[in-house]
Amino acid sequence: MNEIESVDVIHQLKNHIAIIVSYCDLLLSEVPDDDRRRADIVEVHKAGKEAMALIPEVARRMRSGSRSSRSG
């Protein structure tokens, strides 16, 4: 995968995760605290935020991988 393809994949992944996190934000603003579904929404929201935090590391590794494959 070349660097342009890597950037595109990272961008798409970031967009999908942002949609999930944003939808969870919306649900959390509308679902009452005593709703039994709230805990599940909180878990999905937390996982989405953690996935978003991994994006810079994934991008760095993809960039370094594309450089090493060019030199090899």
PDB file of N, CA and C in Angstrom:
ATOM      1  N   MET A   1       0.860  -1.171   0.000  1.00  0.00           N
ATOM      2  CA  MET A   1       0.000   0.000   0.000  1.00  0.00           C
ATOM      3  C   MET A   1       0.901   1.227   0.000  1.00  0.00           C
ATOM      4  N   ASN A   2       0.671   2.148  -0.941  1.00  0.00           N
ATOM      5  CA  ASN A   2       1.494   3.352  -0.969  1.00  0.00           C
ATOM      6  C   ASN A   2       0.975   4.372   0.038  1.00  0.00           C
ATOM      7  N   GLU A   3       1.711   5.459   0.203  1.00  0.00           N
ATOM      8  CA  GLU A   3       1.376   6.437   1.239  1.00  0.00           C
ATOM      9  C   GLU A   3       0.030   7.112   0.985  1.00  0.00           C
ATOM     10  N   ILE A   4      -0.293   7.387  -0.254  1.00  0.00           N
ATOM     11  CA  ILE A   4      -1.582   8.012  -0.568  1.00  0.00           C
ATOM     12  C   ILE A   4      -2.729   7.074  -0.208  1.00  0.00           C
ATOM     13  N   GLU A   5      -2.585   5.802  -0.525  1.00  0.00           N
ATOM     14  CA  GLU A   5      -3.616   4.816  -0.152  1.00  0.00           C
ATOM     15  C   GLU A   5      -3.735   4.701   1.365  1.00  0.00           C
ATOM     16  N   SER A   6      -2.609   4.750   2.056  1.00  0.00           N
ATOM     17  CA  SER A   6      -2.621   4.681   3.517  1.00  0.00           C
ATOM     18  C   SER A   6      -3.365   5.862   4.118  1.00  0.00           C
ATOM     19  N   VAL A   7      -3.108   7.036   3.599  1.00  0.00           N
ATOM     20  CA  VAL A   7      -3.789   8.243   4.091  1.00  0.00           C
ATOM     21  C   VAL A   7      -5.288   8.126   3.838  1.00  0.00           C
ATOM     22  N   ASP A   8      -5.673   7.602   2.698  1.00  0.00           N
ATOM     23  CA  ASP A   8      -7.091   7.438   2.371  1.00  0.00           C
ATOM     24  C   ASP A   8      -7.769   6.453   3.324  1.00  0.00           C
ATOM     25  N   VAL A   9      -7.103   5.345   3.613  1.00  0.00           N
ATOM     26  CA  VAL A   9      -7.656   4.349   4.533  1.00  0.00           C
ATOM     27  C   VAL A   9      -7.823   4.956   5.925  1.00  0.00           C
ATOM     28  N   ILE A  10      -6.814   5.663   6.396  1.00  0.00           N
ATOM     29  CA  ILE A  10      -6.882   6.301   7.716  1.00  0.00           C
ATOM     30  C   ILE A  10      -8.024   7.309   7.750  1.00  0.00           C
ATOM     31  N   HIS A  11      -8.160   8.094   6.707  1.00  0.00           N
ATOM     32  CA  HIS A  11      -9.227   9.098   6.633  1.00  0.00           C
ATOM     33  C   HIS A  11     -10.605   8.431   6.692  1.00  0.00           C
ATOM     34  N   GLN A  12     -10.785   7.388   5.922  1.00  0.00           N
ATOM     35  CA  GLN A  12     -12.067   6.670   5.920  1.00  0.00           C
ATOM     36  C   GLN A  12     -12.358   6.048   7.286  1.00  0.00           C
ATOM     37  N   LEU A  13     -11.358   5.439   7.881  1.00  0.00           N
ATOM     38  CA  LEU A  13     -11.525   4.823   9.192  1.00  0.00           C
ATOM     39  C   LEU A  13     -11.912   5.874  10.237  1.00  0.00           C
ATOM     40  N   LYS A  14     -11.222   6.993  10.202  1.00  0.00           N
ATOM     41  CA  LYS A  14     -11.511   8.084  11.136  1.00  0.00           C
ATOM     42  C   LYS A  14     -12.945   8.586  10.958  1.00  0.00           C
ATOM     43  N   ASN A  15     -13.394   8.709   9.727  1.00  0.00           N
ATOM     44  CA  ASN A  15     -14.766   9.158   9.462  1.00  0.00           C
ATOM     45  C   ASN A  15     -15.791   8.181  10.026  1.00  0.00           C
ATOM     46  N   HIS A  16     -15.568   6.892   9.833  1.00  0.00           N
ATOM     47  CA  HIS A  16     -16.513   5.888  10.336  1.00  0.00           C
ATOM     48  C   HIS A  16     -16.565   5.888  11.868  1.00  0.00           C
ATOM     49  N   ILE A  17     -15.408   5.986  12.489  1.00  0.00           N
ATOM     50  CA  ILE A  17     -15.379   6.023  13.954  1.00  0.00           C
ATOM     51  C   ILE A  17     -16.048   7.292  14.463  1.00  0.00           C
ATOM     52  N   ALA A  18     -15.819   8.411  13.798  1.00  0.00           N
ATOM     53  CA  ALA A  18     -16.442   9.673  14.216  1.00  0.00           C
ATOM     54  C   ALA A  18     -17.964   9.586  14.146  1.00  0.00           C
ATOM     55  N   ILE A  19     -18.486   8.912  13.143  1.00  0.00           N
ATOM     56  CA  ILE A  19     -19.939   8.738  13.032  1.00  0.00           C
ATOM     57  C   ILE A  19     -20.462   7.929  14.217  1.00  0.00           C
ATOM     58  N   ILE A  20     -19.773   6.870  14.575  1.00  0.00           N
ATOM     59  CA  ILE A  20     -20.194   6.037  15.703  1.00  0.00           C
ATOM     60  C   ILE A  20     -20.168   6.839  17.006  1.00  0.00           C
ATOM     61  N   VAL A  21     -19.078   7.553  17.245  1.00  0.00           N
ATOM     62  CA  VAL A  21     -18.949   8.342  18.474  1.00  0.00           C
ATOM     63  C   VAL A  21     -20.007   9.438  18.516  1.00  0.00           C
ATOM     64  N   SER A  22     -20.214  10.114  17.393  1.00  0.00           N
ATOM     65  CA  SER A  22     -21.206  11.195  17.348  1.00  0.00           C
ATOM     66  C   SER A  22     -22.622  10.671  17.574  1.00  0.00           C
ATOM     67  N   TYR A  23     -22.932   9.522  17.013  1.00  0.00           N
ATOM     68  CA  TYR A  23     -24.253   8.942  17.216  1.00  0.00           C
ATOM     69  C   TYR A  23     -24.443   8.552  18.686  1.00  0.00           C
ATOM     70  N   CYS A  24     -23.398   8.029  19.293  1.00  0.00           N
ATOM     71  CA  CYS A  24     -23.471   7.722  20.726  1.00  0.00           C
ATOM     72  C   CYS A  24     -23.684   8.993  21.546  1.00  0.00           C
ATOM     73  N   ASP A  25     -23.009  10.073  21.172  1.00  0.00           N
ATOM     74  CA  ASP A  25     -23.224  11.359  21.857  1.00  0.00           C
ATOM     75  C   ASP A  25     -24.690  11.761  21.780  1.00  0.00           C
ATOM     76  N   LEU A  26     -25.250  11.641  20.597  1.00  0.00           N
ATOM     77  CA  LEU A  26     -26.661  11.986  20.399  1.00  0.00           C
ATOM     78  C   LEU A  26     -27.561  11.094  21.260  1.00  0.00           C
ATOM     79  N   LEU A  27     -27.329   9.793  21.218  1.00  0.00           N
ATOM     80  CA  LEU A  27     -28.143   8.875  22.019  1.00  0.00           C
ATOM     81  C   LEU A  27     -28.023   9.173  23.513  1.00  0.00           C
ATOM     82  N   LEU A  28     -26.796   9.433  23.966  1.00  0.00           N
ATOM     83  CA  LEU A  28     -26.597   9.705  25.388  1.00  0.00           C
ATOM     84  C   LEU A  28     -27.298  10.987  25.828  1.00  0.00           C
ATOM     85  N   SER A  29     -27.448  11.923  24.911  1.00  0.00           N
ATOM     86  CA  SER A  29     -28.150  13.163  25.264  1.00  0.00           C
ATOM     87  C   SER A  29     -29.660  12.961  25.330  1.00  0.00           C
ATOM     88  N   GLU A  30     -30.153  11.884  24.725  1.00  0.00           N
ATOM     89  CA  GLU A  30     -31.589  11.632  24.666  1.00  0.00           C
ATOM     90  C   GLU A  30     -32.070  10.489  25.560  1.00  0.00           C
ATOM     91  N   VAL A  31     -31.185   9.561  25.885  1.00  0.00           N
ATOM     92  CA  VAL A  31     -31.582   8.386  26.666  1.00  0.00           C
ATOM     93  C   VAL A  31     -31.481   8.734  28.161  1.00  0.00           C
ATOM     94  N   PRO A  32     -32.547   8.504  28.908  1.00  0.00           N
ATOM     95  CA  PRO A  32     -32.512   8.799  30.340  1.00  0.00           C
ATOM     96  C   PRO A  32     -31.467   7.950  31.078  1.00  0.00           C
ATOM     97  N   ASP A  33     -30.985   8.468  32.197  1.00  0.00           N
ATOM     98  CA  ASP A  33     -29.968   7.763  32.981  1.00  0.00           C
ATOM     99  C   ASP A  33     -30.424   6.391  33.448  1.00  0.00           C
ATOM    100  N   ASP A  34     -31.711   6.221  33.661  1.00  0.00           N
ATOM    101  CA  ASP A  34     -32.203   4.942  34.170  1.00  0.00           C
ATOM    102  C   ASP A  34     -32.589   3.951  33.068  1.00  0.00           C
ATOM    103  N   ASP A  35     -32.358   4.320  31.811  1.00  0.00           N
ATOM    104  CA  ASP A  35     -32.657   3.425  30.688  1.00  0.00           C
ATOM    105  C   ASP A  35     -31.645   2.278  30.684  1.00  0.00           C
ATOM    106  N   ARG A  36     -32.124   1.045  30.562  1.00  0.00           N
ATOM    107  CA  ARG A  36     -31.240  -0.123  30.613  1.00  0.00           C
ATOM    108  C   ARG A  36     -30.268  -0.167  29.430  1.00  0.00           C
ATOM    109  N   ARG A  37     -30.560   0.537  28.359  1.00  0.00           N
ATOM    110  CA  ARG A  37     -29.670   0.540  27.182  1.00  0.00           C
ATOM    111  C   ARG A  37     -28.490   1.496  27.337  1.00  0.00           C
ATOM    112  N   ARG A  38     -28.582   2.393  28.289  1.00  0.00           N
ATOM    113  CA  ARG A  38     -27.567   3.440  28.436  1.00  0.00           C
ATOM    114  C   ARG A  38     -26.157   2.866  28.649  1.00  0.00           C
ATOM    115  N   ALA A  39     -26.037   1.844  29.472  1.00  0.00           N
ATOM    116  CA  ALA A  39     -24.718   1.244  29.736  1.00  0.00           C
ATOM    117  C   ALA A  39     -24.083   0.717  28.452  1.00  0.00           C
ATOM    118  N   ASP A  40     -24.900   0.128  27.582  1.00  0.00           N
ATOM    119  CA  ASP A  40     -24.377  -0.365  26.298  1.00  0.00           C
ATOM    120  C   ASP A  40     -23.906   0.786  25.415  1.00  0.00           C
ATOM    121  N   ILE A  41     -24.674   1.851  25.404  1.00  0.00           N
ATOM    122  CA  ILE A  41     -24.293   3.021  24.599  1.00  0.00           C
ATOM    123  C   ILE A  41     -22.993   3.607  25.127  1.00  0.00           C
ATOM    124  N   VAL A  42     -22.860   3.674  26.448  1.00  0.00           N
ATOM    125  CA  VAL A  42     -21.626   4.191  27.060  1.00  0.00           C
ATOM    126  C   VAL A  42     -20.437   3.325  26.656  1.00  0.00           C
ATOM    127  N   GLU A  43     -20.608   2.021  26.636  1.00  0.00           N
ATOM    128  CA  GLU A  43     -19.518   1.114  26.245  1.00  0.00           C
ATOM    129  C   GLU A  43     -19.109   1.317  24.786  1.00  0.00           C
ATOM    130  N   VAL A  44     -20.082   1.453  23.908  1.00  0.00           N
ATOM    131  CA  VAL A  44     -19.778   1.689  22.487  1.00  0.00           C
ATOM    132  C   VAL A  44     -19.077   3.034  22.329  1.00  0.00           C
ATOM    133  N   HIS A  45     -19.548   4.038  23.043  1.00  0.00           N
ATOM    134  CA  HIS A  45     -18.943   5.370  22.998  1.00  0.00           C
ATOM    135  C   HIS A  45     -17.484   5.307  23.459  1.00  0.00           C
ATOM    136  N   LYS A  46     -17.256   4.630  24.565  1.00  0.00           N
ATOM    137  CA  LYS A  46     -15.906   4.486  25.103  1.00  0.00           C
ATOM    138  C   LYS A  46     -14.992   3.771  24.097  1.00  0.00           C
ATOM    139  N   ALA A  47     -15.488   2.691  23.512  1.00  0.00           N
ATOM    140  CA  ALA A  47     -14.690   1.944  22.528  1.00  0.00           C
ATOM    141  C   ALA A  47     -14.379   2.806  21.306  1.00  0.00           C
ATOM    142  N   GLY A  48     -15.350   3.600  20.874  1.00  0.00           N
ATOM    143  CA  GLY A  48     -15.129   4.495  19.740  1.00  0.00           C
ATOM    144  C   GLY A  48     -14.066   5.535  20.027  1.00  0.00           C
ATOM    145  N   LYS A  49     -14.108   6.112  21.228  1.00  0.00           N
ATOM    146  CA  LYS A  49     -13.100   7.111  21.617  1.00  0.00           C
ATOM    147  C   LYS A  49     -11.716   6.473  21.693  1.00  0.00           C
ATOM    148  N   GLU A  50     -11.654   5.252  22.217  1.00  0.00           N
ATOM    149  CA  GLU A  50     -10.368   4.556  22.288  1.00  0.00           C
ATOM    150  C   GLU A  50      -9.847   4.223  20.900  1.00  0.00           C
ATOM    151  N   ALA A  51     -10.738   3.831  19.998  1.00  0.00           N
ATOM    152  CA  ALA A  51     -10.332   3.547  18.617  1.00  0.00           C
ATOM    153  C   ALA A  51      -9.814   4.818  17.942  1.00  0.00           C
ATOM    154  N   MET A  52     -10.500   5.934  18.184  1.00  0.00           N
ATOM    155  CA  MET A  52     -10.067   7.209  17.589  1.00  0.00           C
ATOM    156  C   MET A  52      -8.678   7.593  18.111  1.00  0.00           C
ATOM    157  N   ALA A  53      -8.415   7.301  19.375  1.00  0.00           N
ATOM    158  CA  ALA A  53      -7.109   7.610  19.957  1.00  0.00           C
ATOM    159  C   ALA A  53      -5.989   6.771  19.340  1.00  0.00           C
ATOM    160  N   LEU A  54      -6.333   5.618  18.767  1.00  0.00           N
ATOM    161  CA  LEU A  54      -5.332   4.757  18.130  1.00  0.00           C
ATOM    162  C   LEU A  54      -4.968   5.199  16.714  1.00  0.00           C
ATOM    163  N   ILE A  55      -5.780   6.037  16.123  1.00  0.00           N
ATOM    164  CA  ILE A  55      -5.575   6.443  14.721  1.00  0.00           C
ATOM    165  C   ILE A  55      -4.179   7.004  14.461  1.00  0.00           C
ATOM    166  N   PRO A  56      -3.660   7.926  15.296  1.00  0.00           N
ATOM    167  CA  PRO A  56      -2.307   8.434  15.013  1.00  0.00           C
ATOM    168  C   PRO A  56      -1.237   7.342  14.981  1.00  0.00           C
ATOM    169  N   GLU A  57      -1.348   6.361  15.873  1.00  0.00           N
ATOM    170  CA  GLU A  57      -0.379   5.265  15.900  1.00  0.00           C
ATOM    171  C   GLU A  57      -0.515   4.383  14.659  1.00  0.00           C
ATOM    172  N   VAL A  58      -1.739   4.104  14.270  1.00  0.00           N
ATOM    173  CA  VAL A  58      -1.971   3.309  13.054  1.00  0.00           C
ATOM    174  C   VAL A  58      -1.411   4.054  11.841  1.00  0.00           C
ATOM    175  N   ALA A  59      -1.659   5.353  11.778  1.00  0.00           N
ATOM    176  CA  ALA A  59      -1.154   6.163  10.663  1.00  0.00           C
ATOM    177  C   ALA A  59       0.371   6.144  10.628  1.00  0.00           C
ATOM    178  N   ARG A  60       0.981   6.283  11.790  1.00  0.00           N
ATOM    179  CA  ARG A  60       2.448   6.279  11.850  1.00  0.00           C
ATOM    180  C   ARG A  60       3.002   4.946  11.358  1.00  0.00           C
ATOM    181  N   ARG A  61       2.388   3.866  11.805  1.00  0.00           N
ATOM    182  CA  ARG A  61       2.868   2.537  11.393  1.00  0.00           C
ATOM    183  C   ARG A  61       2.643   2.290   9.901  1.00  0.00           C
ATOM    184  N   MET A  62       1.516   2.768   9.394  1.00  0.00           N
ATOM    185  CA  MET A  62       1.259   2.591   7.958  1.00  0.00           C
ATOM    186  C   MET A  62       2.259   3.396   7.132  1.00  0.00           C
ATOM    187  N   ARG A  63       2.558   4.610   7.592  1.00  0.00           N
ATOM    188  CA  ARG A  63       3.537   5.432   6.866  1.00  0.00           C
ATOM    189  C   ARG A  63       4.914   4.798   6.901  1.00  0.00           C
ATOM    190  N   SER A  64       5.324   4.320   8.072  1.00  0.00           N
ATOM    191  CA  SER A  64       6.652   3.711   8.155  1.00  0.00           C
ATOM    192  C   SER A  64       6.700   2.409   7.357  1.00  0.00           C
ATOM    193  N   GLY A  65       5.600   1.673   7.302  1.00  0.00           N
ATOM    194  CA  GLY A  65       5.539   0.450   6.510  1.00  0.00           C
ATOM    195  C   GLY A  65       5.618   0.724   5.029  1.00  0.00           C
ATOM    196  N   SER A  66       4.976   1.806   4.582  1.00  0.00           N
ATOM    197  CA  SER A  66       5.019   2.115   3.162  1.00  0.00           C
ATOM    198  C   SER A  66       6.411   2.608   2.759  1.00  0.00           C
ATOM    199  N   ARG A  67       7.109   3.270   3.668  1.00  0.00           N
ATOM    200  CA  ARG A  67       8.481   3.702   3.366  1.00  0.00           C
ATOM    201  C   ARG A  67       9.424   2.514   3.280  1.00  0.00           C
ATOM    202  N   SER A  68       9.285   1.571   4.224  1.00  0.00           N
ATOM    203  CA  SER A  68      10.203   0.435   4.221  1.00  0.00           C
ATOM    204  C   SER A  68       9.946  -0.488   3.036  1.00  0.00           C
ATOM    205  N   SER A  69       8.698  -0.562   2.565  1.00  0.00           N
ATOM    206  CA  SER A  69       8.421  -1.415   1.414  1.00  0.00           C
ATOM    207  C   SER A  69       8.960  -0.781   0.128  1.00  0.00           C
ATOM    208  N   ARG A  70       9.058   0.544   0.107  1.00  0.00           N
ATOM    209  CA  ARG A  70       9.635   1.214  -1.067  1.00  0.00           C
ATOM    210  C   ARG A  70      11.139   1.001  -1.130  1.00  0.00           C
ATOM    211  N   SER A  71      11.789   0.950   0.045  1.00  0.00           N
ATOM    212  CA  SER A  71      13.229   0.814   0.047  1.00  0.00           C
ATOM    213  C   SER A  71      13.688  -0.637  -0.109  1.00  0.00           C
ATOM    214  N   GLY A  72      12.739  -1.581   0.031  1.00  0.00           N
ATOM    215  CA  GLY A  72      13.101  -2.992   0.003  1.00  0.00           C
ATOM    216  C   GLY A  72      12.954  -3.626  -1.270  1.00  0.00           C
TER     217      GLY A  72
END
